[in-house]
Each structure stands twice: as C-alpha cells, then as structure tokens.
Amino acid sequence: MEKPINQELYSETSEPQRRIIRSDVLLYVLVLLFVVALIFLVSAFIVVFQLPELISQLTLFAFLWLFGWRLYRVRLISYRYTLTERMLSVDRVVGRRIKPELAVHLADITGIRPCAELPADQGGKRERLYLGKKADTTAVTYRVGGVPSTLLLSMSEEMRGKLIAQWKLMRR
C-alpha cells in the first residue's frame, strides 16, 4: 500500500535584521578585535589596580560567554517555517546546519492569532521560535495528548494567511 505524499505548500525563512554590520566577515573581525581588546583591558586593570587575577578572569570569561550567547541568539539563528498539507514544521538554521525544532499536525492546532491577542493564562507552555519583538509574533496554540502548548513564530502575513487557510481546510 502506498503512503500519501505530504506536499509542501509554502516555506519561508525568518532571518535576523542586519542593521549596522551587514557582512558576516566584518562581524567576525570586529568580535575578534573586541575580545582581544577586552582581554588586554582586564589584564591592564589587574596590573594597575592590583585586582585579584582569578576573580577578574572569571568575570571576564563570564562576560565573554554571555556576549557570545547573546550574539548567537540575536545575529546567528534563523528559523525556517514549512507548511505542508498536514503539518507545520519549524527548523532552526545556524549557518549551514539545520536542526528540526518542532512539527505540529494541523489537526492538533486549536487557534492562530497575533501574540498580543493571546491571554496570559491561556495556551500552556510557550515555545519561543521567533526573532525580533514578541509583539510582532504569531501565536499558534495546539494540543498534543491533551496538553496545550503555544508556538510563538515570526512569520510573514502571507505565511500566516496560508497557514490559516490550510488549517481551516483540515478542520473540515
């Protein structure tokens, strides 16, 4: 017996806005210069102000780790949203690596609305799979095994319209 083919209807990638530094190479060079300058600055503070080396270096490493994590979250992560006949799937894209994050059957979706219209006590666990401002996201509420959850996605108006149309078609 043949399996039905799940045809892709629409796909889009939500990428972070590149405002000031548009080139990845320039970003890499600036981050490298920033790290070297910060290490030099902390070393100078240790010598000039007689600061304890261990505490200063641990503080430096903690700051660099937080800086790298923030850079990763704000600049390097993209999300790809794919709508098929029966599924909505979200993939995390970092460089060339694609990691599937979540796939939801359209039949399990209970509501699609802007995040601003979602009451705070409704929707259960919230999955943050968006870029930019939370107010600009789309909230997709779904139920799996009786447990409600909500996806917060930064999809375009075109994608939202196609998702709502396909979701209404699947509900019939």
N, C-alpha and C. Protein backbone atom coordinates (compact mmCIF):
# COMPACT_ATOMS: atom_id res chain seq x y z
N MET A 1 0.84 -1.17 0.00
CA MET A 1 0.00 0.00 0.00
C MET A 1 0.89 1.25 0.00
N GLU A 2 0.56 2.19 -0.83
CA GLU A 2 1.35 3.39 -0.96
C GLU A 2 0.98 4.41 0.11
N LYS A 3 2.01 5.14 0.57
CA LYS A 3 1.78 6.22 1.52
C LYS A 3 1.46 7.49 0.75
N PRO A 4 0.51 8.29 1.22
CA PRO A 4 0.25 9.56 0.54
C PRO A 4 1.42 10.51 0.72
N ILE A 5 1.71 11.26 -0.32
CA ILE A 5 2.81 12.21 -0.29
C ILE A 5 2.33 13.50 0.38
N ASN A 6 3.11 13.98 1.32
CA ASN A 6 2.80 15.21 2.02
C ASN A 6 3.46 16.36 1.28
N GLN A 7 2.69 17.05 0.45
CA GLN A 7 3.23 18.08 -0.44
C GLN A 7 3.47 19.39 0.30
N GLU A 8 4.63 19.99 0.05
CA GLU A 8 4.96 21.27 0.65
C GLU A 8 4.18 22.37 -0.04
N LEU A 9 3.47 23.18 0.75
CA LEU A 9 2.68 24.27 0.20
C LEU A 9 3.43 25.60 0.22
N TYR A 10 4.15 25.86 1.32
CA TYR A 10 4.83 27.14 1.45
C TYR A 10 5.96 27.01 2.46
N SER A 11 7.04 27.72 2.21
CA SER A 11 8.17 27.72 3.13
C SER A 11 8.79 29.10 3.12
N GLU A 12 9.21 29.55 4.29
CA GLU A 12 9.90 30.84 4.39
C GLU A 12 10.91 30.77 5.53
N THR A 13 11.92 31.60 5.42
CA THR A 13 12.95 31.67 6.44
C THR A 13 12.90 33.03 7.10
N SER A 14 12.84 33.03 8.41
CA SER A 14 12.86 34.26 9.20
C SER A 14 14.30 34.48 9.66
N GLU A 15 14.92 35.53 9.15
CA GLU A 15 16.31 35.82 9.47
C GLU A 15 16.40 37.10 10.28
N PRO A 16 17.44 37.22 11.13
CA PRO A 16 17.59 38.45 11.91
C PRO A 16 17.92 39.63 11.00
N GLN A 17 17.47 40.81 11.41
CA GLN A 17 17.77 42.00 10.63
C GLN A 17 19.22 42.39 10.84
N ARG A 18 19.88 42.72 9.75
CA ARG A 18 21.27 43.15 9.82
C ARG A 18 21.28 44.66 9.64
N ARG A 19 21.29 45.35 10.76
CA ARG A 19 21.15 46.80 10.72
C ARG A 19 22.46 47.52 10.43
N ILE A 20 23.40 47.44 11.35
CA ILE A 20 24.62 48.23 11.22
C ILE A 20 25.70 47.44 10.49
N ILE A 21 25.99 46.23 10.97
CA ILE A 21 27.04 45.40 10.38
C ILE A 21 26.36 44.37 9.49
N ARG A 22 26.46 44.54 8.20
CA ARG A 22 25.76 43.66 7.27
C ARG A 22 26.59 42.44 6.85
N SER A 23 27.88 42.52 6.94
CA SER A 23 28.77 41.46 6.49
C SER A 23 29.15 40.54 7.66
N ASP A 24 29.09 39.22 7.43
CA ASP A 24 29.49 38.27 8.45
C ASP A 24 30.99 38.31 8.71
N VAL A 25 31.78 38.58 7.68
CA VAL A 25 33.23 38.66 7.83
C VAL A 25 33.59 39.87 8.69
N LEU A 26 32.96 40.99 8.45
CA LEU A 26 33.21 42.19 9.25
C LEU A 26 32.79 41.95 10.70
N LEU A 27 31.68 41.28 10.90
CA LEU A 27 31.25 40.95 12.26
C LEU A 27 32.28 40.08 12.96
N TYR A 28 32.79 39.08 12.27
CA TYR A 28 33.81 38.19 12.84
C TYR A 28 35.06 38.98 13.24
N VAL A 29 35.52 39.86 12.37
CA VAL A 29 36.72 40.65 12.65
C VAL A 29 36.48 41.58 13.84
N LEU A 30 35.32 42.23 13.88
CA LEU A 30 35.02 43.14 14.99
C LEU A 30 34.89 42.40 16.32
N VAL A 31 34.29 41.23 16.30
CA VAL A 31 34.19 40.44 17.53
C VAL A 31 35.57 40.00 17.99
N LEU A 32 36.41 39.58 17.07
CA LEU A 32 37.77 39.17 17.42
C LEU A 32 38.55 40.35 18.02
N LEU A 33 38.47 41.52 17.41
CA LEU A 33 39.15 42.71 17.95
C LEU A 33 38.59 43.09 19.32
N PHE A 34 37.28 42.98 19.49
CA PHE A 34 36.64 43.29 20.77
C PHE A 34 37.14 42.35 21.88
N VAL A 35 37.22 41.07 21.59
CA VAL A 35 37.67 40.09 22.58
C VAL A 35 39.13 40.34 22.96
N VAL A 36 39.98 40.58 21.98
CA VAL A 36 41.40 40.84 22.27
C VAL A 36 41.54 42.13 23.09
N ALA A 37 40.82 43.18 22.72
CA ALA A 37 40.89 44.44 23.46
C ALA A 37 40.38 44.27 24.89
N LEU A 38 39.33 43.49 25.07
CA LEU A 38 38.79 43.26 26.40
C LEU A 38 39.76 42.47 27.27
N ILE A 39 40.40 41.47 26.69
CA ILE A 39 41.41 40.71 27.44
C ILE A 39 42.58 41.62 27.84
N PHE A 40 43.01 42.46 26.92
CA PHE A 40 44.09 43.40 27.22
C PHE A 40 43.67 44.38 28.32
N LEU A 41 42.44 44.88 28.25
CA LEU A 41 41.94 45.84 29.23
C LEU A 41 41.86 45.20 30.62
N VAL A 42 41.35 44.00 30.71
CA VAL A 42 41.25 43.32 32.01
C VAL A 42 42.65 43.04 32.56
N SER A 43 43.58 42.65 31.71
CA SER A 43 44.96 42.43 32.16
C SER A 43 45.58 43.72 32.68
N ALA A 44 45.32 44.82 32.02
CA ALA A 44 45.83 46.11 32.48
C ALA A 44 45.22 46.49 33.83
N PHE A 45 43.91 46.27 34.02
CA PHE A 45 43.27 46.55 35.30
C PHE A 45 43.87 45.70 36.42
N ILE A 46 44.19 44.46 36.11
CA ILE A 46 44.79 43.57 37.12
C ILE A 46 46.14 44.13 37.57
N VAL A 47 46.94 44.61 36.62
CA VAL A 47 48.27 45.13 36.95
C VAL A 47 48.18 46.49 37.65
N VAL A 48 47.39 47.41 37.10
CA VAL A 48 47.34 48.77 37.62
C VAL A 48 46.64 48.85 38.98
N PHE A 49 45.49 48.20 39.11
CA PHE A 49 44.70 48.32 40.33
C PHE A 49 44.91 47.16 41.31
N GLN A 50 45.83 46.26 41.02
CA GLN A 50 46.15 45.13 41.89
C GLN A 50 44.90 44.29 42.21
N LEU A 51 44.08 44.04 41.18
CA LEU A 51 42.87 43.22 41.36
C LEU A 51 43.25 41.75 41.44
N PRO A 52 42.47 40.94 42.15
CA PRO A 52 42.75 39.50 42.18
C PRO A 52 42.57 38.91 40.78
N GLU A 53 43.56 38.14 40.33
CA GLU A 53 43.54 37.61 38.97
C GLU A 53 42.40 36.62 38.75
N LEU A 54 42.17 35.73 39.67
CA LEU A 54 41.16 34.69 39.50
C LEU A 54 39.77 35.29 39.34
N ILE A 55 39.42 36.21 40.21
CA ILE A 55 38.09 36.82 40.15
C ILE A 55 37.95 37.65 38.87
N SER A 56 38.98 38.39 38.51
CA SER A 56 38.92 39.21 37.29
C SER A 56 38.78 38.35 36.04
N GLN A 57 39.53 37.26 35.99
CA GLN A 57 39.46 36.40 34.81
C GLN A 57 38.15 35.63 34.74
N LEU A 58 37.64 35.19 35.88
CA LEU A 58 36.32 34.52 35.88
C LEU A 58 35.22 35.48 35.44
N THR A 59 35.32 36.72 35.90
CA THR A 59 34.35 37.74 35.47
C THR A 59 34.46 37.98 33.97
N LEU A 60 35.68 38.05 33.47
CA LEU A 60 35.90 38.24 32.03
C LEU A 60 35.32 37.09 31.23
N PHE A 61 35.59 35.87 31.64
CA PHE A 61 35.07 34.70 30.92
C PHE A 61 33.55 34.64 30.97
N ALA A 62 32.96 34.99 32.11
CA ALA A 62 31.50 35.01 32.22
C ALA A 62 30.92 36.06 31.27
N PHE A 63 31.55 37.24 31.22
CA PHE A 63 31.08 38.29 30.32
C PHE A 63 31.21 37.86 28.86
N LEU A 64 32.34 37.26 28.50
CA LEU A 64 32.54 36.81 27.12
C LEU A 64 31.54 35.71 26.76
N TRP A 65 31.25 34.82 27.68
CA TRP A 65 30.27 33.76 27.42
C TRP A 65 28.89 34.37 27.19
N LEU A 66 28.48 35.32 28.04
CA LEU A 66 27.18 35.98 27.86
C LEU A 66 27.13 36.77 26.56
N PHE A 67 28.22 37.43 26.21
CA PHE A 67 28.30 38.17 24.95
C PHE A 67 28.14 37.23 23.76
N GLY A 68 28.84 36.10 23.79
CA GLY A 68 28.73 35.12 22.70
C GLY A 68 27.34 34.52 22.60
N TRP A 69 26.73 34.22 23.73
CA TRP A 69 25.37 33.67 23.74
C TRP A 69 24.38 34.68 23.15
N ARG A 70 24.51 35.94 23.54
CA ARG A 70 23.61 36.98 23.04
C ARG A 70 23.81 37.19 21.53
N LEU A 71 25.05 37.18 21.09
CA LEU A 71 25.35 37.32 19.67
C LEU A 71 24.75 36.16 18.89
N TYR A 72 24.86 34.97 19.43
CA TYR A 72 24.27 33.78 18.80
C TYR A 72 22.76 33.92 18.69
N ARG A 73 22.09 34.33 19.77
CA ARG A 73 20.64 34.44 19.76
C ARG A 73 20.13 35.56 18.84
N VAL A 74 20.85 36.68 18.81
CA VAL A 74 20.37 37.85 18.07
C VAL A 74 20.78 37.84 16.61
N ARG A 75 21.97 37.33 16.29
CA ARG A 75 22.50 37.50 14.95
C ARG A 75 22.62 36.22 14.13
N LEU A 76 22.91 35.09 14.77
CA LEU A 76 23.27 33.90 14.00
C LEU A 76 22.14 32.91 13.78
N ILE A 77 21.08 32.95 14.56
CA ILE A 77 19.99 31.98 14.43
C ILE A 77 18.94 32.49 13.44
N SER A 78 18.48 31.59 12.58
CA SER A 78 17.34 31.84 11.71
C SER A 78 16.36 30.70 11.91
N TYR A 79 15.11 30.93 11.57
CA TYR A 79 14.10 29.89 11.66
C TYR A 79 13.46 29.71 10.29
N ARG A 80 13.26 28.45 9.89
CA ARG A 80 12.58 28.15 8.64
C ARG A 80 11.24 27.52 8.99
N TYR A 81 10.17 28.12 8.50
CA TYR A 81 8.81 27.63 8.72
C TYR A 81 8.34 26.97 7.44
N THR A 82 7.87 25.73 7.54
CA THR A 82 7.42 24.99 6.37
C THR A 82 5.99 24.51 6.61
N LEU A 83 5.12 24.83 5.66
CA LEU A 83 3.73 24.41 5.71
C LEU A 83 3.50 23.36 4.64
N THR A 84 3.02 22.19 5.05
CA THR A 84 2.66 21.15 4.11
C THR A 84 1.15 20.94 4.21
N GLU A 85 0.65 19.94 3.50
CA GLU A 85 -0.80 19.69 3.51
C GLU A 85 -1.31 19.36 4.91
N ARG A 86 -0.48 18.71 5.73
CA ARG A 86 -0.93 18.26 7.04
C ARG A 86 -0.10 18.75 8.21
N MET A 87 1.03 19.40 7.96
CA MET A 87 1.97 19.73 9.04
C MET A 87 2.46 21.18 8.94
N LEU A 88 2.81 21.70 10.10
CA LEU A 88 3.58 22.94 10.20
C LEU A 88 4.86 22.55 10.93
N SER A 89 6.00 22.76 10.27
CA SER A 89 7.27 22.39 10.90
C SER A 89 8.17 23.61 10.99
N VAL A 90 8.98 23.61 12.05
CA VAL A 90 9.91 24.71 12.31
C VAL A 90 11.31 24.11 12.42
N ASP A 91 12.26 24.67 11.67
CA ASP A 91 13.65 24.24 11.72
C ASP A 91 14.51 25.42 12.17
N ARG A 92 15.50 25.14 13.01
CA ARG A 92 16.48 26.15 13.43
C ARG A 92 17.64 26.07 12.45
N VAL A 93 18.01 27.21 11.88
CA VAL A 93 19.10 27.27 10.91
C VAL A 93 20.22 28.12 11.51
N VAL A 94 21.40 27.52 11.65
CA VAL A 94 22.59 28.24 12.11
C VAL A 94 23.69 27.93 11.10
N GLY A 95 24.01 28.92 10.28
CA GLY A 95 24.99 28.71 9.21
C GLY A 95 24.43 27.73 8.20
N ARG A 96 25.12 26.60 8.01
CA ARG A 96 24.65 25.57 7.08
C ARG A 96 23.95 24.43 7.80
N ARG A 97 23.96 24.47 9.11
CA ARG A 97 23.37 23.40 9.91
C ARG A 97 21.88 23.66 10.12
N ILE A 98 21.07 22.65 9.84
CA ILE A 98 19.62 22.75 10.00
C ILE A 98 19.20 21.72 11.03
N LYS A 99 18.52 22.19 12.08
CA LYS A 99 18.07 21.30 13.14
C LYS A 99 16.55 21.40 13.24
N PRO A 100 15.84 20.28 13.07
CA PRO A 100 14.39 20.32 13.23
C PRO A 100 14.03 20.64 14.68
N GLU A 101 13.21 21.64 14.87
CA GLU A 101 12.79 22.04 16.21
C GLU A 101 11.46 21.41 16.60
N LEU A 102 10.46 21.54 15.72
CA LEU A 102 9.13 21.12 16.09
C LEU A 102 8.30 20.89 14.83
N ALA A 103 7.41 19.92 14.91
CA ALA A 103 6.45 19.67 13.82
C ALA A 103 5.09 19.45 14.46
N VAL A 104 4.10 20.17 13.98
CA VAL A 104 2.75 20.11 14.54
C VAL A 104 1.78 19.73 13.43
N HIS A 105 0.93 18.74 13.70
CA HIS A 105 -0.13 18.40 12.76
C HIS A 105 -1.16 19.53 12.76
N LEU A 106 -1.64 19.89 11.61
CA LEU A 106 -2.62 20.97 11.52
C LEU A 106 -3.91 20.62 12.26
N ALA A 107 -4.22 19.32 12.35
CA ALA A 107 -5.43 18.89 13.07
C ALA A 107 -5.31 19.14 14.57
N ASP A 108 -4.09 19.24 15.10
CA ASP A 108 -3.88 19.48 16.53
C ASP A 108 -3.94 20.96 16.90
N ILE A 109 -3.91 21.84 15.91
CA ILE A 109 -3.92 23.28 16.19
C ILE A 109 -5.32 23.70 16.63
N THR A 110 -5.36 24.49 17.72
CA THR A 110 -6.64 24.97 18.25
C THR A 110 -6.88 26.45 17.99
N GLY A 111 -5.83 27.20 17.65
CA GLY A 111 -6.01 28.62 17.37
C GLY A 111 -4.76 29.24 16.79
N ILE A 112 -4.98 30.25 15.92
CA ILE A 112 -3.89 31.02 15.32
C ILE A 112 -4.29 32.49 15.45
N ARG A 113 -3.44 33.27 16.12
CA ARG A 113 -3.74 34.69 16.33
C ARG A 113 -2.45 35.44 16.62
N PRO A 114 -2.48 36.77 16.54
CA PRO A 114 -1.30 37.54 16.94
C PRO A 114 -1.02 37.34 18.43
N CYS A 115 0.22 37.40 18.81
CA CYS A 115 0.61 37.16 20.20
C CYS A 115 -0.02 38.18 21.15
N ALA A 116 -0.24 39.39 20.68
CA ALA A 116 -0.83 40.43 21.52
C ALA A 116 -2.26 40.07 21.93
N GLU A 117 -2.95 39.27 21.12
CA GLU A 117 -4.33 38.89 21.43
C GLU A 117 -4.42 37.63 22.29
N LEU A 118 -3.30 37.01 22.60
CA LEU A 118 -3.28 35.79 23.38
C LEU A 118 -3.31 36.15 24.87
N PRO A 119 -4.34 35.69 25.61
CA PRO A 119 -4.37 35.96 27.05
C PRO A 119 -3.20 35.30 27.76
N ALA A 120 -2.72 35.92 28.84
CA ALA A 120 -1.53 35.44 29.55
C ALA A 120 -1.75 34.07 30.17
N ASP A 121 -2.97 33.75 30.59
CA ASP A 121 -3.23 32.48 31.26
C ASP A 121 -3.64 31.37 30.30
N GLN A 122 -3.67 31.64 29.02
CA GLN A 122 -4.12 30.66 28.04
C GLN A 122 -2.95 30.20 27.18
N GLY A 123 -3.00 28.96 26.73
CA GLY A 123 -2.03 28.47 25.77
C GLY A 123 -1.00 27.51 26.33
N GLY A 124 -0.92 27.36 27.63
CA GLY A 124 0.03 26.41 28.21
C GLY A 124 1.47 26.82 28.01
N LYS A 125 2.35 25.83 27.84
CA LYS A 125 3.77 26.08 27.65
C LYS A 125 4.01 26.81 26.33
N ARG A 126 4.88 27.81 26.37
CA ARG A 126 5.16 28.60 25.17
C ARG A 126 6.55 28.29 24.64
N GLU A 127 6.60 27.94 23.35
CA GLU A 127 7.85 27.66 22.66
C GLU A 127 8.27 28.92 21.92
N ARG A 128 9.44 29.46 22.26
CA ARG A 128 9.93 30.70 21.65
C ARG A 128 10.74 30.35 20.40
N LEU A 129 10.11 30.44 19.25
CA LEU A 129 10.76 30.14 17.98
C LEU A 129 10.60 31.33 17.03
N TYR A 130 10.93 32.51 17.54
CA TYR A 130 10.78 33.72 16.74
C TYR A 130 12.00 34.60 16.88
N LEU A 131 12.09 35.59 16.00
CA LEU A 131 13.14 36.61 16.03
C LEU A 131 12.46 37.96 16.13
N GLY A 132 13.11 38.90 16.75
CA GLY A 132 12.57 40.24 16.83
C GLY A 132 11.70 40.45 18.04
N LYS A 133 10.73 41.33 17.91
CA LYS A 133 9.85 41.70 19.02
C LYS A 133 8.75 40.66 19.22
N LYS A 134 8.45 40.39 20.47
CA LYS A 134 7.42 39.42 20.81
C LYS A 134 6.04 39.92 20.34
N ALA A 135 5.82 41.22 20.36
CA ALA A 135 4.53 41.79 19.96
C ALA A 135 4.22 41.54 18.49
N ASP A 136 5.25 41.32 17.66
CA ASP A 136 5.06 41.11 16.23
C ASP A 136 4.89 39.65 15.85
N THR A 137 4.84 38.75 16.82
CA THR A 137 4.80 37.32 16.53
C THR A 137 3.38 36.81 16.36
N THR A 138 3.30 35.60 15.82
CA THR A 138 2.05 34.89 15.66
C THR A 138 2.03 33.75 16.67
N ALA A 139 0.93 33.64 17.42
CA ALA A 139 0.78 32.57 18.40
C ALA A 139 -0.05 31.45 17.79
N VAL A 140 0.54 30.26 17.72
CA VAL A 140 -0.15 29.07 17.21
C VAL A 140 -0.36 28.15 18.41
N THR A 141 -1.60 28.05 18.86
CA THR A 141 -1.93 27.22 20.00
C THR A 141 -2.33 25.84 19.50
N TYR A 142 -1.77 24.80 20.13
CA TYR A 142 -2.08 23.44 19.72
C TYR A 142 -2.17 22.56 20.96
N ARG A 143 -2.73 21.37 20.76
CA ARG A 143 -2.93 20.44 21.86
C ARG A 143 -2.45 19.06 21.42
N VAL A 144 -1.49 18.50 22.17
CA VAL A 144 -0.99 17.16 21.90
C VAL A 144 -1.16 16.34 23.18
N GLY A 145 -1.91 15.26 23.08
CA GLY A 145 -2.15 14.41 24.24
C GLY A 145 -2.90 15.13 25.35
N GLY A 146 -3.73 16.08 25.00
CA GLY A 146 -4.49 16.83 25.98
C GLY A 146 -3.75 17.98 26.64
N VAL A 147 -2.47 18.14 26.32
CA VAL A 147 -1.67 19.19 26.93
C VAL A 147 -1.58 20.37 25.97
N PRO A 148 -2.06 21.55 26.39
CA PRO A 148 -1.98 22.71 25.49
C PRO A 148 -0.57 23.31 25.48
N SER A 149 -0.16 23.77 24.30
CA SER A 149 1.13 24.45 24.12
C SER A 149 0.93 25.56 23.10
N THR A 150 1.86 26.49 23.08
CA THR A 150 1.77 27.60 22.14
C THR A 150 3.12 27.82 21.47
N LEU A 151 3.10 27.97 20.16
CA LEU A 151 4.29 28.32 19.39
C LEU A 151 4.24 29.82 19.14
N LEU A 152 5.34 30.51 19.39
CA LEU A 152 5.46 31.91 19.05
C LEU A 152 6.39 31.99 17.85
N LEU A 153 5.83 32.39 16.69
CA LEU A 153 6.56 32.36 15.42
C LEU A 153 6.59 33.75 14.80
N SER A 154 7.67 34.07 14.13
CA SER A 154 7.79 35.36 13.44
C SER A 154 7.61 35.15 11.94
N MET A 155 6.42 34.81 11.56
CA MET A 155 6.13 34.55 10.15
C MET A 155 5.51 35.77 9.49
N SER A 156 5.58 35.81 8.18
CA SER A 156 5.04 36.93 7.42
C SER A 156 3.51 36.82 7.34
N GLU A 157 2.90 37.90 6.89
CA GLU A 157 1.44 37.92 6.72
C GLU A 157 1.00 36.89 5.68
N GLU A 158 1.80 36.74 4.63
CA GLU A 158 1.49 35.77 3.58
C GLU A 158 1.49 34.35 4.14
N MET A 159 2.50 34.03 4.92
CA MET A 159 2.59 32.69 5.54
C MET A 159 1.44 32.48 6.51
N ARG A 160 1.13 33.50 7.32
CA ARG A 160 0.03 33.38 8.28
C ARG A 160 -1.29 33.13 7.55
N GLY A 161 -1.52 33.84 6.44
CA GLY A 161 -2.75 33.64 5.68
C GLY A 161 -2.85 32.24 5.10
N LYS A 162 -1.75 31.73 4.57
CA LYS A 162 -1.75 30.37 4.01
C LYS A 162 -1.92 29.32 5.11
N LEU A 163 -1.32 29.57 6.27
CA LEU A 163 -1.47 28.65 7.39
C LEU A 163 -2.92 28.60 7.86
N ILE A 164 -3.54 29.75 8.00
CA ILE A 164 -4.95 29.80 8.44
C ILE A 164 -5.85 29.12 7.42
N ALA A 165 -5.63 29.38 6.13
CA ALA A 165 -6.45 28.75 5.09
C ALA A 165 -6.31 27.23 5.10
N GLN A 166 -5.07 26.73 5.21
CA GLN A 166 -4.85 25.28 5.23
C GLN A 166 -5.39 24.67 6.52
N TRP A 167 -5.27 25.37 7.62
CA TRP A 167 -5.79 24.89 8.90
C TRP A 167 -7.32 24.77 8.86
N LYS A 168 -7.98 25.77 8.28
CA LYS A 168 -9.45 25.71 8.14
C LYS A 168 -9.87 24.57 7.20
N LEU A 169 -9.08 24.35 6.16
CA LEU A 169 -9.37 23.25 5.24
C LEU A 169 -9.24 21.92 5.94
N MET A 170 -8.23 21.76 6.79
CA MET A 170 -8.01 20.50 7.51
C MET A 170 -9.07 20.25 8.58
N ARG A 171 -9.63 21.31 9.12
CA ARG A 171 -10.67 21.16 10.18
C ARG A 171 -11.98 20.64 9.62
N ARG A 172 -12.21 20.83 8.32
CA ARG A 172 -13.47 20.39 7.73
C ARG A 172 -13.53 18.92 7.56
